[in-house]
C-alpha atoms as a PDB file:
ATOM      1  CA  MET A   1      19.999  88.171 165.583  1.00  0.00           C
ATOM      2  CA  LEU A   2      20.389  84.668 167.000  1.00  0.00           C
ATOM      3  CA  ALA A   3      23.032  83.640 164.449  1.00  0.00           C
ATOM      4  CA  ARG A   4      25.306  86.477 165.575  1.00  0.00           C
ATOM      5  CA  GLU A   5      24.941  85.481 169.220  1.00  0.00           C
ATOM      6  CA  VAL A   6      25.747  81.821 168.478  1.00  0.00           C
ATOM      7  CA  GLU A   7      28.673  82.949 166.313  1.00  0.00           C
ATOM      8  CA  THR A   8      30.088  84.894 169.264  1.00  0.00           C
ATOM      9  CA  ARG A   9      29.742  81.876 171.535  1.00  0.00           C
ATOM     10  CA  MET A  10      31.502  79.681 168.985  1.00  0.00           C
ATOM     11  CA  LEU A  11      34.371  82.170 168.764  1.00  0.00           C
ATOM     12  CA  GLU A  12      34.665  82.080 172.554  1.00  0.00           C
ATOM     13  CA  ARG A  13      35.027  78.287 172.392  1.00  0.00           C
ATOM     14  CA  LEU A  14      37.632  78.662 169.672  1.00  0.00           C
ATOM     15  CA  GLN A  15      39.881  80.628 172.038  1.00  0.00           C
ATOM     16  CA  TYR A  16      40.623  77.422 173.945  1.00  0.00           C
ATOM     17  CA  ILE A  17      41.740  75.526 170.837  1.00  0.00           C
ATOM     18  CA  LYS A  18      45.276  75.918 169.521  1.00  0.00           C
ATOM     19  CA  LEU A  19      44.933  76.482 165.795  1.00  0.00           C
ATOM     20  CA  GLU A  20      46.962  78.191 163.090  1.00  0.00           C
ATOM     21  CA  PRO A  21      44.992  77.489 159.914  1.00  0.00           C
ATOM     22  CA  GLY A  22      46.234  78.371 156.469  1.00  0.00           C
ATOM     23  CA  ARG A  23      42.887  77.839 154.711  1.00  0.00           C
ATOM     24  CA  ILE A  24      39.457  78.182 156.315  1.00  0.00           C
ATOM     25  CA  LEU A  25      35.978  77.394 155.018  1.00  0.00           C
ATOM     26  CA  ASP A  26      32.819  78.972 156.412  1.00  0.00           C
ATOM     27  CA  ALA A  27      30.196  76.467 155.208  1.00  0.00           C
ATOM     28  CA  GLY A  28      26.806  78.136 155.040  1.00  0.00           C
ATOM     29  CA  CYS A  29      28.273  81.612 155.371  1.00  0.00           C
ATOM     30  CA  GLY A  30      25.045  83.480 154.577  1.00  0.00           C
ATOM     31  CA  ALA A  31      25.740  87.197 154.339  1.00  0.00           C
ATOM     32  CA  GLY A  32      29.366  86.625 155.337  1.00  0.00           C
ATOM     33  CA  HIS A  33      29.494  88.062 158.851  1.00  0.00           C
ATOM     34  CA  GLY A  34      31.121  84.992 160.407  1.00  0.00           C
ATOM     35  CA  ALA A  35      33.592  84.582 157.551  1.00  0.00           C
ATOM     36  CA  LYS A  36      34.763  88.168 158.033  1.00  0.00           C
ATOM     37  CA  ARG A  37      35.262  87.619 161.754  1.00  0.00           C
ATOM     38  CA  LEU A  38      37.333  84.517 161.016  1.00  0.00           C
ATOM     39  CA  ALA A  39      39.423  86.532 158.550  1.00  0.00           C
ATOM     40  CA  GLU A  40      40.072  89.104 161.274  1.00  0.00           C
ATOM     41  CA  LEU A  41      40.927  86.405 163.818  1.00  0.00           C
ATOM     42  CA  TYR A  42      43.320  84.644 161.421  1.00  0.00           C
ATOM     43  CA  PRO A  43      44.709  87.461 159.213  1.00  0.00           C
ATOM     44  CA  ASP A  44      47.296  85.201 157.537  1.00  0.00           C
ATOM     45  CA  ALA A  45      44.741  82.591 156.464  1.00  0.00           C
ATOM     46  CA  GLN A  46      42.787  82.347 153.225  1.00  0.00           C
ATOM     47  CA  VAL A  47      39.084  82.383 154.133  1.00  0.00           C
ATOM     48  CA  LEU A  48      36.410  80.946 151.853  1.00  0.00           C
ATOM     49  CA  GLY A  49      32.712  81.543 152.354  1.00  0.00           C
ATOM     50  CA  LEU A  50      30.404  78.934 150.815  1.00  0.00           C
ATOM     51  CA  ASP A  51      26.620  79.071 150.528  1.00  0.00           C
ATOM     52  CA  PHE A  52      24.036  77.641 148.134  1.00  0.00           C
ATOM     53  CA  ALA A  53      21.954  80.859 148.219  1.00  0.00           C
ATOM     54  CA  TYR A  54      23.425  83.210 145.620  1.00  0.00           C
ATOM     55  CA  PRO A  55      21.548  86.326 146.890  1.00  0.00           C
ATOM     56  CA  MET A  56      23.206  85.815 150.285  1.00  0.00           C
ATOM     57  CA  LEU A  57      26.628  85.712 148.638  1.00  0.00           C
ATOM     58  CA  GLN A  58      25.840  88.882 146.700  1.00  0.00           C
ATOM     59  CA  ALA A  59      25.050  90.588 150.004  1.00  0.00           C
ATOM     60  CA  ALA A  60      28.267  89.223 151.515  1.00  0.00           C
ATOM     61  CA  ARG A  61      30.383  90.571 148.677  1.00  0.00           C
ATOM     62  CA  SER A  62      28.835  94.036 148.961  1.00  0.00           C
ATOM     63  CA  HIS A  63      29.740  94.399 152.646  1.00  0.00           C
ATOM     64  CA  GLY A  64      33.011  95.562 154.144  1.00  0.00           C
ATOM     65  CA  PRO A  65      35.080  98.795 154.008  1.00  0.00           C
ATOM     66  CA  TRP A  66      36.440  99.588 150.567  1.00  0.00           C
ATOM     67  CA  LEU A  67      39.969 100.112 151.922  1.00  0.00           C
ATOM     68  CA  ARG A  68      40.001  96.626 153.482  1.00  0.00           C
ATOM     69  CA  ARG A  69      38.981  95.105 150.143  1.00  0.00           C
ATOM     70  CA  ILE A  70      41.706  97.017 148.267  1.00  0.00           C
ATOM     71  CA  LEU A  71      44.413  96.052 150.761  1.00  0.00           C
ATOM     72  CA  LYS A  72      43.029  92.497 150.968  1.00  0.00           C
ATOM     73  CA  ARG A  73      42.963  92.655 154.780  1.00  0.00           C
ATOM     74  CA  GLY A  74      40.205  90.528 156.200  1.00  0.00           C
ATOM     75  CA  ARG A  75      39.321  89.511 152.656  1.00  0.00           C
ATOM     76  CA  VAL A  76      36.967  86.606 152.047  1.00  0.00           C
ATOM     77  CA  ASP A  77      36.468  84.749 148.770  1.00  0.00           C
ATOM     78  CA  TYR A  78      33.012  83.303 148.119  1.00  0.00           C
ATOM     79  CA  LEU A  79      31.714  80.142 146.446  1.00  0.00           C
ATOM     80  CA  CYS A  80      28.139  79.264 145.515  1.00  0.00           C
ATOM     81  CA  ALA A  81      27.727  75.509 145.974  1.00  0.00           C
ATOM     82  CA  GLU A  82      25.979  72.763 147.938  1.00  0.00           C
ATOM     83  CA  PHE A  83      27.568  71.537 151.162  1.00  0.00           C
ATOM     84  CA  ALA A  84      27.611  67.890 150.078  1.00  0.00           C
ATOM     85  CA  THR A  85      29.299  68.557 146.708  1.00  0.00           C
ATOM     86  CA  MET A  86      31.857  71.276 147.334  1.00  0.00           C
ATOM     87  CA  PRO A  87      34.136  72.296 144.433  1.00  0.00           C
ATOM     88  CA  LEU A  88      37.217  71.942 146.621  1.00  0.00           C
ATOM     89  CA  ARG A  89      40.169  69.556 146.408  1.00  0.00           C
ATOM     90  CA  ALA A  90      40.545  66.759 148.920  1.00  0.00           C
ATOM     91  CA  ALA A  91      42.699  67.629 151.914  1.00  0.00           C
ATOM     92  CA  SER A  92      42.742  71.334 151.016  1.00  0.00           C
ATOM     93  CA  LEU A  93      41.340  72.871 154.222  1.00  0.00           C
ATOM     94  CA  ASP A  94      42.763  73.311 157.704  1.00  0.00           C
ATOM     95  CA  PHE A  95      39.556  74.431 159.371  1.00  0.00           C
ATOM     96  CA  VAL A  96      35.871  74.013 158.502  1.00  0.00           C
ATOM     97  CA  TRP A  97      33.446  76.270 160.382  1.00  0.00           C
ATOM     98  CA  SER A  98      29.660  76.092 160.052  1.00  0.00           C
ATOM     99  CA  ASN A  99      27.229  78.201 162.069  1.00  0.00           C
ATOM    100  CA  LEU A 100      23.537  77.182 162.134  1.00  0.00           C
ATOM    101  CA  ALA A 101      23.578  75.795 158.608  1.00  0.00           C
ATOM    102  CA  LEU A 102      23.716  71.978 158.745  1.00  0.00           C
ATOM    103  CA  HIS A 103      19.935  71.601 158.974  1.00  0.00           C
ATOM    104  CA  CYS A 104      19.579  73.155 155.511  1.00  0.00           C
ATOM    105  CA  ALA A 105      21.090  69.992 154.032  1.00  0.00           C
ATOM    106  CA  GLY A 106      18.296  67.773 155.342  1.00  0.00           C
ATOM    107  CA  ASP A 107      20.645  64.849 156.004  1.00  0.00           C
ATOM    108  CA  PRO A 108      23.888  66.035 157.657  1.00  0.00           C
ATOM    109  CA  LEU A 109      25.789  62.769 157.132  1.00  0.00           C
ATOM    110  CA  PRO A 110      26.820  63.357 153.476  1.00  0.00           C
ATOM    111  CA  VAL A 111      27.829  66.899 154.436  1.00  0.00           C
ATOM    112  CA  LEU A 112      30.013  65.716 157.318  1.00  0.00           C
ATOM    113  CA  LYS A 113      31.625  63.208 154.952  1.00  0.00           C
ATOM    114  CA  GLU A 114      32.305  65.995 152.460  1.00  0.00           C
ATOM    115  CA  PHE A 115      33.867  68.154 155.159  1.00  0.00           C
ATOM    116  CA  TRP A 116      36.039  65.164 156.065  1.00  0.00           C
ATOM    117  CA  ARG A 117      37.131  64.784 152.437  1.00  0.00           C
ATOM    118  CA  ALA A 118      38.139  68.436 152.174  1.00  0.00           C
ATOM    119  CA  LEU A 119      39.969  68.608 155.513  1.00  0.00           C
ATOM    120  CA  LYS A 120      43.660  67.939 155.848  1.00  0.00           C
ATOM    121  CA  VAL A 121      44.885  65.428 158.399  1.00  0.00           C
ATOM    122  CA  GLY A 122      44.972  67.341 161.667  1.00  0.00           C
ATOM    123  CA  GLY A 123      42.266  69.714 160.448  1.00  0.00           C
ATOM    124  CA  LEU A 124      39.400  70.887 162.642  1.00  0.00           C
ATOM    125  CA  LEU A 125      35.645  70.849 162.072  1.00  0.00           C
ATOM    126  CA  MET A 126      33.628  73.181 164.290  1.00  0.00           C
ATOM    127  CA  PHE A 127      29.900  73.697 163.912  1.00  0.00           C
ATOM    128  CA  SER A 128      26.656  74.722 165.537  1.00  0.00           C
ATOM    129  CA  CYS A 129      23.180  73.610 164.538  1.00  0.00           C
ATOM    130  CA  TYR A 130      19.631  73.418 165.835  1.00  0.00           C
ATOM    131  CA  GLY A 131      18.479  70.591 168.117  1.00  0.00           C
ATOM    132  CA  PRO A 132      15.032  68.928 168.369  1.00  0.00           C
ATOM    133  CA  ASP A 133      13.507  71.449 170.813  1.00  0.00           C
ATOM    134  CA  THR A 134      14.034  74.337 168.414  1.00  0.00           C
ATOM    135  CA  LEU A 135      10.808  76.282 167.740  1.00  0.00           C
ATOM    136  CA  LYS A 136       8.784  73.818 169.797  1.00  0.00           C
ATOM    137  CA  GLU A 137       6.201  76.543 170.524  1.00  0.00           C
ATOM    138  CA  LEU A 138       5.675  77.280 166.833  1.00  0.00           C
ATOM    139  CA  LYS A 139       5.537  73.571 166.002  1.00  0.00           C
ATOM    140  CA  SER A 140       2.887  73.001 168.690  1.00  0.00           C
ATOM    141  CA  ALA A 141       0.804  75.968 167.520  1.00  0.00           C
ATOM    142  CA  PHE A 142       0.761  74.695 163.937  1.00  0.00           C
ATOM    143  CA  ALA A 143       0.073  71.099 165.009  1.00  0.00           C
ATOM    144  CA  ALA A 144      -3.083  72.238 166.845  1.00  0.00           C
ATOM    145  CA  HIS A 145      -4.661  73.540 163.631  1.00  0.00           C
ATOM    146  CA  ASP A 146      -2.949  71.913 160.626  1.00  0.00           C
ATOM    147  CA  GLY A 147      -1.710  68.394 159.903  1.00  0.00           C
ATOM    148  CA  ALA A 148       1.051  69.539 157.543  1.00  0.00           C
ATOM    149  CA  VAL A 149       4.658  69.799 158.714  1.00  0.00           C
ATOM    150  CA  HIS A 150       5.603  73.461 159.139  1.00  0.00           C
ATOM    151  CA  VAL A 151       8.764  73.219 161.247  1.00  0.00           C
ATOM    152  CA  HIS A 152      11.819  71.308 160.129  1.00  0.00           C
ATOM    153  CA  ASP A 153      12.847  68.224 162.140  1.00  0.00           C
ATOM    154  CA  PHE A 154      16.197  68.804 163.820  1.00  0.00           C
ATOM    155  CA  ILE A 155      18.672  66.053 164.681  1.00  0.00           C
ATOM    156  CA  ASP A 156      19.582  65.080 168.232  1.00  0.00           C
ATOM    157  CA  MET A 157      23.029  65.963 169.564  1.00  0.00           C
ATOM    158  CA  HIS A 158      23.894  62.314 170.241  1.00  0.00           C
ATOM    159  CA  ASP A 159      22.985  61.288 166.694  1.00  0.00           C
ATOM    160  CA  LEU A 160      25.275  63.988 165.327  1.00  0.00           C
ATOM    161  CA  GLY A 161      28.075  62.691 167.543  1.00  0.00           C
ATOM    162  CA  ASP A 162      27.513  59.195 166.165  1.00  0.00           C
ATOM    163  CA  MET A 163      27.703  60.589 162.624  1.00  0.00           C
ATOM    164  CA  LEU A 164      31.043  62.227 163.375  1.00  0.00           C
ATOM    165  CA  SER A 165      32.427  58.928 164.651  1.00  0.00           C
ATOM    166  CA  ALA A 166      31.033  57.051 161.649  1.00  0.00           C
ATOM    167  CA  CYS A 167      32.796  59.480 159.293  1.00  0.00           C
ATOM    168  CA  GLY A 168      36.109  58.873 161.055  1.00  0.00           C
ATOM    169  CA  TYR A 169      36.490  62.103 163.018  1.00  0.00           C
ATOM    170  CA  ALA A 170      38.536  61.894 166.205  1.00  0.00           C
ATOM    171  CA  GLU A 171      37.841  63.318 169.649  1.00  0.00           C
ATOM    172  CA  PRO A 172      34.309  64.573 168.904  1.00  0.00           C
ATOM    173  CA  VAL A 173      33.005  66.960 171.562  1.00  0.00           C
ATOM    174  CA  MET A 174      29.283  67.763 171.692  1.00  0.00           C
ATOM    175  CA  ASP A 175      27.256  70.001 173.975  1.00  0.00           C
ATOM    176  CA  MET A 176      24.048  72.008 173.816  1.00  0.00           C
ATOM    177  CA  GLU A 177      22.195  74.901 175.388  1.00  0.00           C
ATOM    178  CA  LEU A 178      18.649  76.230 175.185  1.00  0.00           C
ATOM    179  CA  ILE A 179      18.267  79.876 174.188  1.00  0.00           C
ATOM    180  CA  THR A 180      14.849  81.512 174.517  1.00  0.00           C
ATOM    181  CA  ALA A 181      14.257  84.546 172.342  1.00  0.00           C
ATOM    182  CA  THR A 182      11.155  86.725 172.695  1.00  0.00           C
ATOM    183  CA  TYR A 183       9.106  88.507 170.061  1.00  0.00           C
ATOM    184  CA  ALA A 184       6.318  91.060 170.062  1.00  0.00           C
ATOM    185  CA  THR A 185       4.239  89.018 167.589  1.00  0.00           C
ATOM    186  CA  VAL A 186       4.265  85.724 165.707  1.00  0.00           C
ATOM    187  CA  ASP A 187       4.753  87.685 162.494  1.00  0.00           C
ATOM    188  CA  ALA A 188       7.929  89.225 163.943  1.00  0.00           C
ATOM    189  CA  LEU A 189       9.248  85.721 164.699  1.00  0.00           C
ATOM    190  CA  LEU A 190       8.466  84.504 161.168  1.00  0.00           C
ATOM    191  CA  ALA A 191      10.055  87.611 159.643  1.00  0.00           C
ATOM    192  CA  ASP A 192      13.224  87.010 161.679  1.00  0.00           C
ATOM    193  CA  LEU A 193      13.382  83.403 160.485  1.00  0.00           C
ATOM    194  CA  ARG A 194      12.952  84.443 156.847  1.00  0.00           C
ATOM    195  CA  ALA A 195      15.579  87.186 157.156  1.00  0.00           C
ATOM    196  CA  SER A 196      18.156  84.673 158.393  1.00  0.00           C
ATOM    197  CA  GLY A 197      17.405  82.274 155.528  1.00  0.00           C
ATOM    198  CA  GLN A 198      15.676  79.632 157.681  1.00  0.00           C
ATOM    199  CA  VAL A 199      13.366  77.411 155.665  1.00  0.00           C
ATOM    200  CA  ASN A 200      11.486  74.172 156.226  1.00  0.00           C
ATOM    201  CA  VAL A 201      13.213  71.427 154.195  1.00  0.00           C
ATOM    202  CA  HIS A 202      11.131  68.536 155.566  1.00  0.00           C
ATOM    203  CA  ALA A 203      10.202  66.092 152.793  1.00  0.00           C
ATOM    204  CA  ALA A 204       6.560  66.056 153.988  1.00  0.00           C
ATOM    205  CA  ARG A 205       6.149  69.839 153.988  1.00  0.00           C
ATOM    206  CA  ARG A 206       3.212  71.372 152.128  1.00  0.00           C
ATOM    207  CA  ARG A 207       4.253  72.781 148.760  1.00  0.00           C
ATOM    208  CA  GLY A 208       1.277  75.116 148.452  1.00  0.00           C
ATOM    209  CA  LEU A 209       0.008  77.977 150.625  1.00  0.00           C
ATOM    210  CA  SER A 210      -1.594  77.232 153.978  1.00  0.00           C
ATOM    211  CA  GLY A 211      -4.120  80.051 153.806  1.00  0.00           C
ATOM    212  CA  LYS A 212      -5.010  82.937 156.100  1.00  0.00           C
ATOM    213  CA  GLY A 213      -7.320  80.822 158.237  1.00  0.00           C
ATOM    214  CA  VAL A 214      -4.494  78.549 159.372  1.00  0.00           C
ATOM    215  CA  PHE A 215      -2.134  81.414 160.140  1.00  0.00           C
ATOM    216  CA  ASN A 216      -4.784  83.326 162.068  1.00  0.00           C
ATOM    217  CA  ALA A 217      -5.478  80.210 164.153  1.00  0.00           C
ATOM    218  CA  VAL A 218      -1.747  79.748 164.770  1.00  0.00           C
ATOM    219  CA  ARG A 219      -1.421  83.352 165.918  1.00  0.00           C
ATOM    220  CA  ASP A 220      -4.305  82.885 168.355  1.00  0.00           C
ATOM    221  CA  GLU A 221      -2.831  79.612 169.643  1.00  0.00           C
ATOM    222  CA  TYR A 222       0.591  81.153 170.152  1.00  0.00           C
ATOM    223  CA  GLU A 223      -0.934  84.055 172.102  1.00  0.00           C
ATOM    224  CA  ASN A 224      -1.654  81.624 174.960  1.00  0.00           C
ATOM    225  CA  LEU A 225       2.106  81.613 175.641  1.00  0.00           C
ATOM    226  CA  ARG A 226       2.475  85.372 175.966  1.00  0.00           C
ATOM    227  CA  GLY A 227       4.212  86.473 179.133  1.00  0.00           C
ATOM    228  CA  GLU A 228       5.282  89.956 180.197  1.00  0.00           C
ATOM    229  CA  GLY A 229       4.087  91.246 176.852  1.00  0.00           C
ATOM    230  CA  ARG A 230       6.311  88.965 174.738  1.00  0.00           C
ATOM    231  CA  LEU A 231       6.040  85.621 172.942  1.00  0.00           C
ATOM    232  CA  PRO A 232       8.768  83.017 173.628  1.00  0.00           C
ATOM    233  CA  ALA A 233      10.622  81.069 170.935  1.00  0.00           C
ATOM    234  CA  SER A 234      12.950  78.251 172.013  1.00  0.00           C
ATOM    235  CA  PHE A 235      16.159  77.445 170.154  1.00  0.00           C
ATOM    236  CA  GLU A 236      18.133  74.359 171.137  1.00  0.00           C
ATOM    237  CA  ILE A 237      21.683  75.063 170.006  1.00  0.00           C
ATOM    238  CA  VAL A 238      23.995  72.107 169.496  1.00  0.00           C
ATOM    239  CA  TYR A 239      27.747  72.723 169.375  1.00  0.00           C
ATOM    240  CA  GLY A 240      30.279  70.235 168.078  1.00  0.00           C
ATOM    241  CA  HIS A 241      33.906  70.011 167.088  1.00  0.00           C
ATOM    242  CA  ALA A 242      36.198  67.171 166.020  1.00  0.00           C
ATOM    243  CA  TRP A 243      39.524  66.552 164.295  1.00  0.00           C
ATOM    244  CA  LYS A 244      40.565  64.622 161.212  1.00  0.00           C
ATOM    245  CA  PRO A 245      43.160  62.056 162.366  1.00  0.00           C
ATOM    246  CA  GLN A 246      45.641  60.019 160.398  1.00  0.00           C
ATOM    247  CA  PRO A 247      43.639  57.445 158.383  1.00  0.00           C
ATOM    248  CA  ARG A 248      43.675  53.857 159.638  1.00  0.00           C
ATOM    249  CA  LEU A 249      42.321  52.314 156.439  1.00  0.00           C
ATOM    250  CA  THR A 250      42.933  52.819 152.734  1.00  0.00           C
ATOM    251  CA  GLU A 251      40.028  53.727 150.480  1.00  0.00           C
ATOM    252  CA  ASP A 252      39.585  50.036 149.592  1.00  0.00           C
ATOM    253  CA  GLY A 253      39.429  49.026 153.258  1.00  0.00           C
ATOM    254  CA  HIS A 254      42.967  47.763 153.897  1.00  0.00           C
ATOM    255  CA  ALA A 255      44.667  48.609 157.188  1.00  0.00           C
ATOM    256  CA  ILE A 256      47.474  51.150 157.100  1.00  0.00           C
ATOM    257  CA  VAL A 257      50.547  50.038 159.057  1.00  0.00           C
ATOM    258  CA  ARG A 258      53.085  52.725 159.885  1.00  0.00           C
ATOM    259  CA  LEU A 259      56.595  51.490 160.596  1.00  0.00           C
ATOM    260  CA  GLU A 260      58.714  53.587 162.900  1.00  0.00           C
ATOM    261  CA  PRO A 261      62.508  53.636 162.299  1.00  0.00           C
ATOM    262  CA  PRO A 262      64.448  51.673 164.927  1.00  0.00           C
ATOM    263  CA  ARG A 263      65.781  53.676 167.820  1.00  0.00           C
ATOM    264  CA  ALA A 264      69.515  53.934 168.166  1.00  0.00           C
ATOM    265  CA  ARG A 265      70.868  51.922 171.042  1.00  0.00           C
ATOM    266  CA  ARG A 266      72.748  53.713 173.756  1.00  0.00           C
ATOM    267  CA  PRO A 267      76.382  52.666 174.090  1.00  0.00           C
END
């Protein structure tokens, strides 16, 4: 599954960052695989998994060896909530991790602000999300036969970087890569997307059913891309991380001036 591959690549990036978190949040944890890996990587930390899909959290809670749960090793606690309104105290997290989940919020800016609120000064935000070229083949196939929006619009890497700066994050680092997965059929691609909880949250999406005629036409259109017996599906993966620095302004907009004690003079 693509999410597991991206998760592994995020963990590889994390190896180059010095971090000893006491409290970690996996925002958009899904079935909890990433949260469990974070709990194994940081065994002394409290790990929280948050997702708005309760069935996913039920699946997450049912996984894991019974002995680990009894001994509380690699334990994860789960919360069902929206990203932009998390039931967490301000400055209560050392590390916020989010793997391929930001697009579910529609507008990432309020979510990034909420992560900022919950992070402690010196805390780290690390995330991955989809970029604009994600599922471009599927989008093109639908566009050829139906005027409705069937594929979610994904935000450009540079716009996400601007959002991080606007929220007050320091030292934002952004990069991207294009991963091409292949499928035997269009139905296999759609089944994989559904299994990973991917949905179209575009405001202009059709609320009703598209009908068999549209889907049959899309299948035929997509078949034009078949190569070596497989159908390609592009995923633009955007990676980002940034830190929460000491605040420069108070909540009412006044500058914060920090006075350093005078240095003792040498005799």
